[in-house]
Amino acid sequence: MEYLSEHQYETAIFIISVIAFIIGIFAIGFLKSLLIIGILDGVLFVPNLLNIINKKKNMEVTMEKKNTRSAKHARTGNKKTEEKEITATVASTRSARASKKVNSKKAKDKTKKKKIGKKVLMVLLILGILFLILLGLFMFKIVKDAPKFSTQQLYHQEASILYSTDGSIIDKLGSENREKISYDQMPEVLVDAIVATEDSRFFQHNGFDLPRFVKASFGTLLGKNAGGASTLTMQIAKNHFTSTNRSITRKFTDIYMSIFQIEKHYTKQEILEFYVNAPYLGSGAWGVEQACLTYFGKSAKDINLAEAAMIAGMFQAPNTYDPNIHPDLAEKRRQTVLYLMKRHKYIDEKEYNAAMKLTVDKILKKSDGTGDANPHKYQSFIDAVVVDVKERTGLNPYNVSMQIYTTMNKEQQQHVEDVMNGKTFKWENDVVQGGVAVVDVKTGAVAAIGGGRNVNAARTLNRATQLNKQIGSTAKPIYDYGPGMEFNNWSTATPFADEPHS
């Protein structure tokens, strides 16, 4: 402890270095972290070490001069000198007595400051040790609980099955319409568009981009949009192996899997293949090859810059930027991708302007307007179930095989579909829309959902569950007519004033 109190500067540097080294292992690797920390510590410690050496040399010179003067004084001493020494001794004694009180006070203040410094140092040391212990335990749990990366799970085969209350199968989710593509088959414009948009330093980092992570973290703390912190590799881990829940544990699990399970065993080219072949990209297409065939009627290897920008923009939110459903949003996102490509020097001003002119409506293959491929007749209910499962588990039934038992009453659901599609109810015109949710009043179970009229695509707007609108006069039978008939003996012909009751 005495050593620590005498070397507070060095102790603080040591603690900070250990913490920085541990973080650096995950950010840039063991050897790079060791080299950088070693250089920084050298820069910080060498001046202090040289200072100590100079002080030692100066003390030796001073002592040597003092000894020389003492010897000379002894050889040339005389009576007059002795008298002066006696006088000086008396004066020195008086001076010492006079300054004793002042020196005593200074010594007490100095001792007090040393004690405070020791306490502060001890607190910092204990906190540093506790931090290292907790960090070690946390990382041990991350490593222990992290799922294992496998290409088989990446391209899942089994579909999730939804069951109704009678035990019959409603639908199977995740039946894939996928065509894989290799890195060599990807056009350069597609690779550039994806990297510029999703992870501009993809080919430089080891799966975890520390500067980007710090920037995004500070942006979140300040309430600003500083971009996402997840690299392409981390997105693969999150979308297919961990979950979409926002938590520190999940984030560090993504980082661990990216560095030690994916980047360590696969090349950047292979990782990019995983990234482009695995995800759902709207309109029933899985992977960029099938997406290009669906939207442009051609293979991914044949697409141009404008088309590549549209595909790259869909990875963030495939349903939101599906050009068959939201062409305006798809075009806006495509323009953002082109801007990022120009910003990161993948294209020049001339290429940017030419691609901007080829808007979504010009490059998109003519569609029959059916949206997502073969939407289910109970699509609104299925969409609501998928959203509910994601919120409860953080997992996507389209990516993870599940057995899901729902509260759907098929008979009631079919009746809702007939009403919404105009088979048993005549709608005023084709513009009027509606949303229906049938709830079992005894259990609270949702038996049927009608998300809108003529639903022609999966995972689109569900007016029964996604619109926050007042229920209006539909509340009157529950809050007015029902109690009136039960407690006031109203009949269906009883007139009453629509005003507050007193």
Protein backbone atom coordinates (compact mmCIF):
# COMPACT_ATOMS: atom_id res chain seq x y z
CA MET A 1 0.00 0.00 0.00
CA GLU A 2 2.89 2.36 0.72
CA TYR A 3 4.19 1.78 -2.79
CA LEU A 4 0.76 2.51 -4.29
CA SER A 5 0.42 5.76 -2.35
CA GLU A 6 3.88 6.87 -3.47
CA HIS A 7 3.22 5.93 -7.11
CA GLN A 8 -0.38 7.02 -7.66
CA TYR A 9 0.25 8.13 -11.27
CA GLU A 10 1.73 4.78 -12.29
CA THR A 11 -1.01 2.81 -10.50
CA ALA A 12 -3.79 4.75 -12.26
CA ILE A 13 -2.12 4.22 -15.65
CA PHE A 14 -1.82 0.48 -14.94
CA ILE A 15 -5.52 0.07 -14.06
CA ILE A 16 -6.65 2.05 -17.12
CA SER A 17 -4.30 0.05 -19.34
CA VAL A 18 -5.69 -3.30 -18.16
CA ILE A 19 -9.29 -2.20 -18.81
CA ALA A 20 -8.39 -0.76 -22.23
CA PHE A 21 -6.49 -3.94 -23.12
CA ILE A 22 -9.51 -6.18 -22.33
CA ILE A 23 -11.82 -3.98 -24.41
CA GLY A 24 -9.24 -3.83 -27.17
CA ILE A 25 -9.09 -7.62 -27.46
CA PHE A 26 -12.72 -7.64 -28.65
CA ALA A 27 -12.36 -4.51 -30.75
CA ILE A 28 -9.09 -5.00 -32.67
CA GLY A 29 -7.56 -8.28 -31.48
CA PHE A 30 -4.98 -9.43 -28.88
CA LEU A 31 -1.71 -8.56 -30.65
CA LYS A 32 -2.83 -5.14 -31.88
CA SER A 33 -4.16 -4.23 -28.43
CA LEU A 34 -0.92 -5.38 -26.77
CA LEU A 35 1.18 -3.33 -29.20
CA ILE A 36 -0.91 -0.16 -28.91
CA ILE A 37 -1.19 -0.30 -25.09
CA GLY A 38 2.55 -1.01 -24.87
CA ILE A 39 3.40 2.04 -27.00
CA LEU A 40 1.02 4.32 -25.08
CA ASP A 41 2.30 3.14 -21.70
CA GLY A 42 5.85 3.67 -22.95
CA VAL A 43 5.04 7.25 -23.95
CA LEU A 44 3.44 7.88 -20.54
CA PHE A 45 6.07 6.15 -18.37
CA VAL A 46 9.37 7.06 -20.13
CA PRO A 47 9.27 10.83 -19.31
CA ASN A 48 8.53 10.02 -15.68
CA LEU A 49 11.36 7.47 -15.60
CA LEU A 50 13.83 9.94 -17.14
CA ASN A 51 12.77 12.53 -14.57
CA ILE A 52 13.51 10.11 -11.72
CA ILE A 53 16.96 9.32 -13.19
CA ASN A 54 17.81 13.04 -13.54
CA LYS A 55 16.72 13.74 -9.97
CA LYS A 56 18.98 10.94 -8.72
CA LYS A 57 21.96 12.33 -10.66
CA ASN A 58 21.35 15.86 -9.37
CA MET A 59 21.21 14.60 -5.78
CA GLU A 60 24.54 12.80 -6.22
CA VAL A 61 26.21 15.96 -7.63
CA THR A 62 24.80 18.08 -4.81
CA MET A 63 26.03 15.67 -2.13
CA GLU A 64 29.50 15.59 -3.71
CA LYS A 65 29.75 19.41 -3.71
CA LYS A 66 28.57 19.56 -0.10
CA ASN A 67 31.19 17.06 1.04
CA THR A 68 33.92 19.00 -0.79
CA ARG A 69 32.92 22.27 0.90
CA SER A 70 32.85 20.60 4.33
CA ALA A 71 36.36 19.21 3.92
CA LYS A 72 37.74 22.57 2.80
CA HIS A 73 36.10 24.34 5.70
CA ALA A 74 37.67 21.90 8.16
CA ARG A 75 41.20 22.51 6.79
CA THR A 76 41.03 26.37 6.72
CA GLY A 77 39.09 26.92 9.94
CA ASN A 78 40.26 29.71 12.36
CA LYS A 79 39.11 31.42 15.46
CA LYS A 80 37.07 34.04 13.61
CA THR A 81 35.25 31.38 11.74
CA GLU A 82 34.46 29.57 14.97
CA GLU A 83 32.98 32.75 16.42
CA LYS A 84 30.86 33.22 13.31
CA GLU A 85 29.71 29.63 13.55
CA ILE A 86 28.70 30.17 17.18
CA THR A 87 26.78 33.30 16.22
CA ALA A 88 25.16 31.53 13.26
CA THR A 89 24.20 28.61 15.49
CA VAL A 90 22.49 30.92 17.99
CA ALA A 91 20.68 32.74 15.18
CA SER A 92 19.72 29.45 13.57
CA THR A 93 18.33 28.15 16.85
CA ARG A 94 16.21 31.26 17.30
CA SER A 95 15.02 31.05 13.69
CA ALA A 96 14.21 27.37 14.07
CA ARG A 97 12.14 28.09 17.14
CA ALA A 98 10.29 30.87 15.33
CA SER A 99 9.50 28.77 12.28
CA LYS A 100 8.79 25.55 14.14
CA LYS A 101 5.12 26.34 14.43
CA VAL A 102 4.81 27.19 10.72
CA ASN A 103 6.65 24.03 9.64
CA SER A 104 4.55 21.94 11.99
CA LYS A 105 1.35 23.26 10.42
CA LYS A 106 2.67 22.62 6.88
CA ALA A 107 3.65 19.09 7.83
CA LYS A 108 0.19 18.40 9.20
CA ASP A 109 -1.44 19.71 5.99
CA LYS A 110 0.90 17.60 3.89
CA THR A 111 0.13 14.49 5.93
CA LYS A 112 -3.59 15.15 5.65
CA LYS A 113 -3.36 15.48 1.85
CA LYS A 114 -1.39 12.23 1.66
CA LYS A 115 -4.08 10.42 3.67
CA ILE A 116 -6.83 11.76 1.38
CA GLY A 117 -4.80 10.74 -1.68
CA LYS A 118 -4.36 7.24 -0.25
CA LYS A 119 -8.08 6.87 0.36
CA VAL A 120 -8.99 8.08 -3.13
CA LEU A 121 -6.42 5.75 -4.67
CA MET A 122 -7.73 2.81 -2.64
CA VAL A 123 -11.31 3.50 -3.74
CA LEU A 124 -10.24 3.71 -7.40
CA LEU A 125 -8.19 0.54 -7.07
CA ILE A 126 -11.07 -1.40 -5.49
CA LEU A 127 -13.54 -0.13 -8.10
CA GLY A 128 -11.12 -1.06 -10.87
CA ILE A 129 -10.67 -4.58 -9.51
CA LEU A 130 -14.43 -5.02 -9.08
CA PHE A 131 -15.00 -3.81 -12.62
CA LEU A 132 -12.50 -6.32 -13.99
CA ILE A 133 -14.11 -9.15 -12.00
CA LEU A 134 -17.64 -8.24 -13.14
CA LEU A 135 -16.45 -7.82 -16.73
CA GLY A 136 -14.83 -11.25 -16.59
CA LEU A 137 -17.99 -12.88 -15.21
CA PHE A 138 -20.14 -11.11 -17.80
CA MET A 139 -17.93 -12.22 -20.70
CA PHE A 140 -17.85 -15.78 -19.31
CA LYS A 141 -21.66 -15.84 -19.37
CA ILE A 142 -21.71 -14.42 -22.91
CA VAL A 143 -19.32 -17.11 -24.17
CA LYS A 144 -21.15 -19.86 -22.29
CA ASP A 145 -24.66 -18.95 -23.50
CA ALA A 146 -23.85 -17.85 -27.07
CA PRO A 147 -25.45 -20.03 -29.78
CA LYS A 148 -23.22 -21.84 -32.25
CA PHE A 149 -22.99 -20.47 -35.77
CA SER A 150 -24.01 -22.89 -38.52
CA THR A 151 -24.79 -22.42 -42.18
CA GLN A 152 -27.60 -24.97 -41.85
CA GLN A 153 -29.48 -22.69 -39.47
CA LEU A 154 -28.65 -19.70 -41.65
CA TYR A 155 -30.60 -21.23 -44.53
CA HIS A 156 -33.36 -22.77 -42.48
CA GLN A 157 -35.40 -25.63 -43.90
CA GLU A 158 -38.24 -26.28 -41.43
CA ALA A 159 -41.21 -23.94 -41.48
CA SER A 160 -43.03 -22.59 -38.43
CA ILE A 161 -46.52 -24.08 -38.12
CA LEU A 162 -49.58 -22.15 -36.91
CA TYR A 163 -52.53 -24.04 -35.39
CA SER A 164 -56.12 -22.89 -34.75
CA THR A 165 -58.15 -23.70 -31.62
CA ASP A 166 -59.48 -26.92 -33.20
CA GLY A 167 -55.91 -28.17 -33.75
CA SER A 168 -55.94 -27.82 -37.53
CA ILE A 169 -53.03 -26.16 -39.37
CA ILE A 170 -53.63 -22.55 -40.40
CA ASP A 171 -50.40 -21.97 -42.31
CA LYS A 172 -46.69 -22.76 -42.51
CA LEU A 173 -44.32 -19.81 -42.34
CA GLY A 174 -40.89 -19.64 -43.86
CA SER A 175 -41.36 -21.80 -46.94
CA GLU A 176 -38.54 -20.25 -48.91
CA ASN A 177 -38.49 -18.95 -52.44
CA ARG A 178 -34.69 -18.69 -52.58
CA GLU A 179 -31.92 -18.75 -55.18
CA LYS A 180 -28.37 -18.55 -53.78
CA ILE A 181 -25.57 -16.56 -55.39
CA SER A 182 -21.79 -16.73 -54.85
CA TYR A 183 -19.52 -13.74 -54.26
CA ASP A 184 -18.00 -14.11 -57.72
CA GLN A 185 -21.47 -13.81 -59.25
CA MET A 186 -22.26 -10.55 -57.43
CA PRO A 187 -21.76 -7.44 -59.56
CA GLU A 188 -19.38 -4.86 -58.11
CA VAL A 189 -22.13 -2.25 -57.93
CA LEU A 190 -24.18 -4.51 -55.62
CA VAL A 191 -21.26 -5.19 -53.27
CA ASP A 192 -20.41 -1.47 -53.16
CA ALA A 193 -24.03 -0.49 -52.55
CA ILE A 194 -24.43 -2.93 -49.63
CA VAL A 195 -21.11 -2.03 -48.00
CA ALA A 196 -21.62 1.72 -48.41
CA THR A 197 -25.10 1.53 -46.88
CA GLU A 198 -24.78 -1.07 -44.14
CA ASP A 199 -21.10 -1.21 -43.13
CA SER A 200 -18.64 1.14 -44.82
CA ARG A 201 -15.61 -0.38 -43.01
CA PHE A 202 -16.63 -4.00 -43.60
CA PHE A 203 -13.35 -4.99 -45.26
CA GLN A 204 -11.22 -3.29 -42.55
CA HIS A 205 -12.64 -4.47 -39.20
CA ASN A 206 -12.71 -7.91 -37.56
CA GLY A 207 -16.48 -8.12 -37.15
CA PHE A 208 -16.74 -5.31 -34.58
CA ASP A 209 -16.27 -1.66 -35.57
CA LEU A 210 -15.25 0.16 -32.36
CA PRO A 211 -15.36 3.76 -33.74
CA ARG A 212 -18.83 3.13 -35.18
CA PHE A 213 -19.97 1.51 -31.93
CA VAL A 214 -18.76 4.47 -29.84
CA LYS A 215 -20.33 6.98 -32.23
CA ALA A 216 -23.69 5.17 -32.20
CA SER A 217 -23.60 4.81 -28.39
CA PHE A 218 -22.97 8.52 -27.83
CA GLY A 219 -25.63 9.36 -30.40
CA THR A 220 -28.15 7.24 -28.50
CA LEU A 221 -27.23 8.90 -25.17
CA LEU A 222 -27.63 12.36 -26.72
CA GLY A 223 -30.92 11.41 -28.37
CA LYS A 224 -29.51 11.77 -31.88
CA ASN A 225 -29.53 9.38 -34.82
CA ALA A 226 -25.86 8.47 -35.32
CA GLY A 227 -26.53 5.34 -37.36
CA GLY A 228 -26.59 1.73 -36.25
CA ALA A 229 -23.71 0.10 -34.37
CA SER A 230 -24.09 -3.36 -35.92
CA THR A 231 -21.67 -4.44 -38.63
CA LEU A 232 -22.72 -6.78 -41.46
CA THR A 233 -21.33 -9.70 -39.46
CA MET A 234 -23.19 -8.66 -36.32
CA GLN A 235 -26.42 -8.36 -38.33
CA ILE A 236 -26.01 -11.98 -39.44
CA ALA A 237 -25.69 -13.06 -35.80
CA LYS A 238 -28.64 -10.91 -34.69
CA ASN A 239 -31.04 -11.82 -37.49
CA HIS A 240 -30.46 -15.55 -37.47
CA PHE A 241 -28.97 -16.66 -34.13
CA THR A 242 -29.68 -14.31 -31.22
CA SER A 243 -32.77 -12.08 -31.27
CA THR A 244 -34.05 -8.62 -32.14
CA ASN A 245 -34.44 -7.62 -28.48
CA ARG A 246 -32.47 -4.53 -27.53
CA SER A 247 -30.22 -5.40 -24.60
CA ILE A 248 -26.56 -5.19 -23.61
CA THR A 249 -26.35 -8.98 -23.33
CA ARG A 250 -27.65 -9.50 -26.86
CA LYS A 251 -25.35 -6.83 -28.27
CA PHE A 252 -22.23 -8.38 -26.70
CA THR A 253 -23.37 -11.84 -27.80
CA ASP A 254 -23.52 -10.50 -31.36
CA ILE A 255 -20.03 -9.05 -30.94
CA TYR A 256 -18.63 -12.33 -29.57
CA MET A 257 -20.22 -14.43 -32.34
CA SER A 258 -19.04 -11.99 -35.01
CA ILE A 259 -15.40 -11.97 -33.90
CA PHE A 260 -14.82 -15.51 -32.64
CA GLN A 261 -17.35 -17.65 -34.53
CA ILE A 262 -17.84 -16.00 -37.91
CA GLU A 263 -14.92 -13.71 -38.81
CA LYS A 264 -12.42 -16.17 -37.33
CA HIS A 265 -13.54 -19.06 -39.56
CA TYR A 266 -14.87 -17.43 -42.73
CA THR A 267 -13.48 -14.96 -45.27
CA LYS A 268 -15.07 -11.58 -45.93
CA GLN A 269 -16.33 -12.89 -49.24
CA GLU A 270 -18.06 -15.87 -47.57
CA ILE A 271 -19.59 -13.60 -44.92
CA LEU A 272 -20.98 -11.34 -47.63
CA GLU A 273 -22.51 -14.42 -49.29
CA PHE A 274 -24.24 -15.29 -45.99
CA TYR A 275 -25.51 -11.73 -45.72
CA VAL A 276 -27.04 -11.47 -49.21
CA ASN A 277 -28.44 -15.02 -49.48
CA ALA A 278 -30.10 -15.42 -46.09
CA PRO A 279 -32.62 -12.55 -45.55
CA TYR A 280 -36.17 -12.04 -46.70
CA LEU A 281 -36.35 -9.16 -49.22
CA GLY A 282 -40.07 -8.66 -49.73
CA SER A 283 -42.65 -9.94 -52.24
CA GLY A 284 -41.95 -13.55 -51.26
CA ALA A 285 -38.26 -13.38 -52.26
CA TRP A 286 -35.41 -14.69 -50.11
CA GLY A 287 -31.90 -13.53 -50.96
CA VAL A 288 -30.71 -11.03 -53.57
CA GLU A 289 -30.82 -13.45 -56.51
CA GLN A 290 -34.51 -14.23 -56.08
CA ALA A 291 -35.22 -10.57 -55.30
CA CYS A 292 -33.62 -9.48 -58.57
CA LEU A 293 -35.62 -12.09 -60.47
CA THR A 294 -38.80 -10.96 -58.72
CA TYR A 295 -38.36 -7.19 -59.14
CA PHE A 296 -36.36 -6.89 -62.38
CA GLY A 297 -36.86 -10.21 -64.14
CA LYS A 298 -33.10 -10.81 -64.35
CA SER A 299 -30.25 -12.39 -62.40
CA ALA A 300 -28.35 -10.37 -59.80
CA LYS A 301 -25.19 -10.55 -61.90
CA ASP A 302 -26.93 -8.52 -64.63
CA ILE A 303 -28.35 -5.62 -62.58
CA ASN A 304 -27.14 -2.03 -62.99
CA LEU A 305 -26.28 0.67 -60.43
CA ALA A 306 -29.83 2.01 -60.04
CA GLU A 307 -31.22 -1.50 -59.47
CA ALA A 308 -28.42 -2.45 -57.06
CA ALA A 309 -29.18 0.65 -54.97
CA MET A 310 -32.84 -0.39 -54.63
CA ILE A 311 -31.93 -3.94 -53.54
CA ALA A 312 -29.29 -2.71 -51.06
CA GLY A 313 -31.81 -0.36 -49.50
CA MET A 314 -34.26 -3.17 -48.72
CA PHE A 315 -32.06 -4.99 -46.17
CA GLN A 316 -32.99 -2.50 -43.44
CA ALA A 317 -36.77 -3.06 -43.70
CA PRO A 318 -37.86 -5.34 -46.57
CA ASN A 319 -41.60 -4.84 -46.13
CA THR A 320 -41.37 -1.08 -45.68
CA TYR A 321 -39.23 -0.70 -48.80
CA ASP A 322 -41.00 -3.34 -50.92
CA PRO A 323 -41.49 -1.50 -54.25
CA ASN A 324 -44.62 -3.53 -55.03
CA ILE A 325 -46.27 -2.22 -51.86
CA HIS A 326 -44.57 1.12 -51.10
CA PRO A 327 -42.91 2.39 -54.30
CA ASP A 328 -42.53 5.92 -52.90
CA LEU A 329 -40.63 4.71 -49.81
CA ALA A 330 -38.55 2.34 -51.94
CA GLU A 331 -37.53 5.24 -54.19
CA LYS A 332 -36.62 7.45 -51.24
CA ARG A 333 -34.49 4.69 -49.75
CA ARG A 334 -32.83 4.03 -53.13
CA GLN A 335 -31.81 7.67 -53.32
CA THR A 336 -30.29 7.43 -49.84
CA VAL A 337 -28.19 4.45 -50.92
CA LEU A 338 -26.92 6.33 -54.00
CA TYR A 339 -25.99 9.31 -51.80
CA LEU A 340 -24.03 7.04 -49.45
CA MET A 341 -22.23 5.42 -52.38
CA LYS A 342 -21.17 8.85 -53.62
CA ARG A 343 -20.19 9.94 -50.12
CA HIS A 344 -17.92 6.91 -49.67
CA LYS A 345 -16.36 7.43 -53.15
CA TYR A 346 -17.79 4.29 -54.77
CA ILE A 347 -19.36 6.36 -57.55
CA ASP A 348 -18.70 9.80 -58.95
CA GLU A 349 -21.08 12.70 -59.57
CA LYS A 350 -21.81 11.65 -63.15
CA GLU A 351 -22.75 8.07 -62.17
CA TYR A 352 -24.84 9.38 -59.27
CA ASN A 353 -26.88 11.72 -61.46
CA ALA A 354 -27.47 9.04 -64.13
CA ALA A 355 -28.67 6.49 -61.54
CA MET A 356 -30.93 9.05 -59.85
CA LYS A 357 -32.87 9.45 -63.10
CA LEU A 358 -33.72 5.72 -63.22
CA THR A 359 -36.46 5.80 -60.59
CA VAL A 360 -38.19 2.74 -59.13
CA ASP A 361 -41.17 2.95 -61.48
CA LYS A 362 -38.76 2.85 -64.46
CA ILE A 363 -36.60 -0.08 -63.34
CA LEU A 364 -39.29 -2.27 -61.75
CA LYS A 365 -40.67 -5.20 -63.71
CA LYS A 366 -44.39 -4.77 -64.38
CA SER A 367 -46.29 -6.42 -61.56
CA ASP A 368 -49.80 -7.81 -61.41
CA GLY A 369 -50.29 -5.84 -58.20
CA THR A 370 -50.68 -8.88 -55.95
CA GLY A 371 -47.89 -7.81 -53.61
CA ASP A 372 -46.27 -10.62 -51.63
CA ALA A 373 -46.42 -14.00 -53.32
CA ASN A 374 -49.64 -15.91 -52.60
CA PRO A 375 -50.87 -14.20 -49.41
CA HIS A 376 -52.88 -16.50 -47.17
CA LYS A 377 -56.65 -16.02 -46.97
CA TYR A 378 -56.25 -15.40 -43.22
CA GLN A 379 -53.23 -13.14 -43.73
CA SER A 380 -54.26 -10.40 -41.27
CA PHE A 381 -54.55 -12.86 -38.39
CA ILE A 382 -51.23 -14.49 -39.32
CA ASP A 383 -49.48 -11.12 -39.46
CA ALA A 384 -50.79 -10.24 -35.99
CA VAL A 385 -49.52 -13.57 -34.63
CA VAL A 386 -46.05 -12.97 -36.11
CA VAL A 387 -45.86 -9.52 -34.50
CA ASP A 388 -47.00 -10.93 -31.14
CA VAL A 389 -44.44 -13.76 -31.25
CA LYS A 390 -41.64 -11.31 -32.07
CA GLU A 391 -42.62 -9.08 -29.14
CA ARG A 392 -42.82 -12.00 -26.72
CA THR A 393 -39.71 -13.93 -27.76
CA GLY A 394 -37.60 -11.59 -29.86
CA LEU A 395 -37.53 -14.29 -32.56
CA ASN A 396 -38.94 -14.21 -36.08
CA PRO A 397 -41.13 -17.24 -36.97
CA TYR A 398 -40.08 -16.80 -40.59
CA ASN A 399 -36.45 -17.42 -39.56
CA VAL A 400 -36.79 -19.78 -36.58
CA SER A 401 -38.84 -22.99 -36.70
CA MET A 402 -41.71 -22.94 -34.16
CA GLN A 403 -44.96 -24.65 -33.26
CA ILE A 404 -47.45 -21.81 -32.63
CA TYR A 405 -50.88 -22.50 -31.13
CA THR A 406 -53.18 -19.55 -31.74
CA THR A 407 -56.63 -18.48 -30.49
CA MET A 408 -58.14 -18.41 -33.99
CA ASN A 409 -61.70 -19.73 -34.38
CA LYS A 410 -61.71 -20.72 -38.05
CA GLU A 411 -65.48 -20.39 -38.44
CA GLN A 412 -65.50 -16.84 -37.05
CA GLN A 413 -62.38 -15.92 -39.00
CA GLN A 414 -63.97 -17.04 -42.25
CA HIS A 415 -67.08 -14.99 -41.48
CA VAL A 416 -64.88 -11.90 -40.94
CA GLU A 417 -63.09 -12.54 -44.24
CA ASP A 418 -66.44 -12.80 -46.07
CA VAL A 419 -67.60 -9.49 -44.60
CA MET A 420 -64.34 -7.67 -45.35
CA ASN A 421 -64.22 -8.97 -48.93
CA GLY A 422 -67.84 -8.00 -49.65
CA LYS A 423 -69.31 -11.50 -49.90
CA THR A 424 -71.84 -11.12 -47.06
CA PHE A 425 -71.86 -7.33 -46.72
CA LYS A 426 -72.28 -4.66 -49.38
CA TRP A 427 -69.70 -1.89 -49.03
CA GLU A 428 -70.50 1.64 -50.17
CA ASN A 429 -67.50 1.78 -52.55
CA ASP A 430 -63.99 0.41 -53.04
CA VAL A 431 -62.37 3.25 -51.12
CA VAL A 432 -63.96 2.62 -47.71
CA GLN A 433 -61.75 0.55 -45.42
CA GLY A 434 -62.27 -1.17 -42.11
CA GLY A 435 -60.69 -3.25 -39.36
CA VAL A 436 -62.25 -5.98 -37.23
CA ALA A 437 -61.15 -7.89 -34.14
CA VAL A 438 -63.42 -10.56 -32.62
CA VAL A 439 -62.70 -11.08 -28.91
CA ASP A 440 -64.04 -13.81 -26.62
CA VAL A 441 -65.57 -11.82 -23.74
CA LYS A 442 -65.04 -14.67 -21.26
CA THR A 443 -61.36 -15.38 -21.92
CA GLY A 444 -60.12 -12.30 -23.77
CA ALA A 445 -58.86 -14.50 -26.60
CA VAL A 446 -58.76 -12.94 -30.07
CA ALA A 447 -60.81 -15.32 -32.21
CA ALA A 448 -60.64 -13.52 -35.56
CA ILE A 449 -59.01 -10.49 -37.18
CA GLY A 450 -59.85 -8.53 -40.29
CA GLY A 451 -56.95 -6.19 -41.09
CA GLY A 452 -58.60 -4.49 -44.03
CA ARG A 453 -60.54 -4.99 -47.22
CA ASN A 454 -59.06 -7.12 -49.98
CA VAL A 455 -55.72 -7.76 -48.28
CA ASN A 456 -53.42 -8.77 -51.12
CA ALA A 457 -50.02 -8.91 -49.45
CA ALA A 458 -48.41 -10.38 -46.36
CA ARG A 459 -47.12 -8.15 -43.57
CA THR A 460 -48.84 -4.97 -44.74
CA LEU A 461 -50.86 -2.48 -42.66
CA ASN A 462 -53.22 -4.25 -40.25
CA ARG A 463 -56.05 -1.80 -39.47
CA ALA A 464 -57.35 -3.94 -36.63
CA THR A 465 -54.10 -3.97 -34.63
CA GLN A 466 -51.86 -1.17 -35.93
CA LEU A 467 -54.13 1.89 -36.03
CA ASN A 468 -54.68 3.86 -32.84
CA LYS A 469 -58.17 5.21 -33.55
CA GLN A 470 -61.22 5.68 -31.35
CA ILE A 471 -63.90 2.99 -31.57
CA GLY A 472 -66.65 5.65 -31.77
CA SER A 473 -70.30 4.56 -31.65
CA THR A 474 -69.37 0.89 -31.51
CA ALA A 475 -69.01 1.42 -27.76
CA LYS A 476 -72.69 2.36 -27.30
CA PRO A 477 -74.08 -1.19 -27.15
CA ILE A 478 -71.57 -2.01 -24.40
CA TYR A 479 -71.68 1.15 -22.29
CA ASP A 480 -75.23 2.44 -23.03
CA TYR A 481 -77.70 -0.01 -24.53
CA GLY A 482 -76.58 -3.08 -22.60
CA PRO A 483 -76.76 -1.55 -19.09
CA GLY A 484 -80.03 0.21 -20.02
CA MET A 485 -81.71 -3.06 -21.01
CA GLU A 486 -80.32 -4.92 -17.99
CA PHE A 487 -81.01 -2.37 -15.25
CA ASN A 488 -83.65 0.07 -16.67
CA ASN A 489 -85.84 -2.42 -18.54
CA TRP A 490 -85.27 -0.66 -21.86
CA SER A 491 -86.65 -2.23 -25.01
CA THR A 492 -85.34 -1.82 -28.53
CA ALA A 493 -87.96 0.90 -29.04
CA THR A 494 -87.13 2.96 -25.91
CA PRO A 495 -86.16 6.54 -26.84
CA PHE A 496 -83.61 8.36 -24.67
CA ALA A 497 -81.69 11.64 -24.78
CA ASP A 498 -78.06 11.55 -25.86
CA GLU A 499 -76.84 13.69 -22.95
CA PRO A 500 -75.03 13.23 -19.62
CA HIS A 501 -77.06 11.33 -17.03
CA SER A 502 -77.67 13.03 -13.68
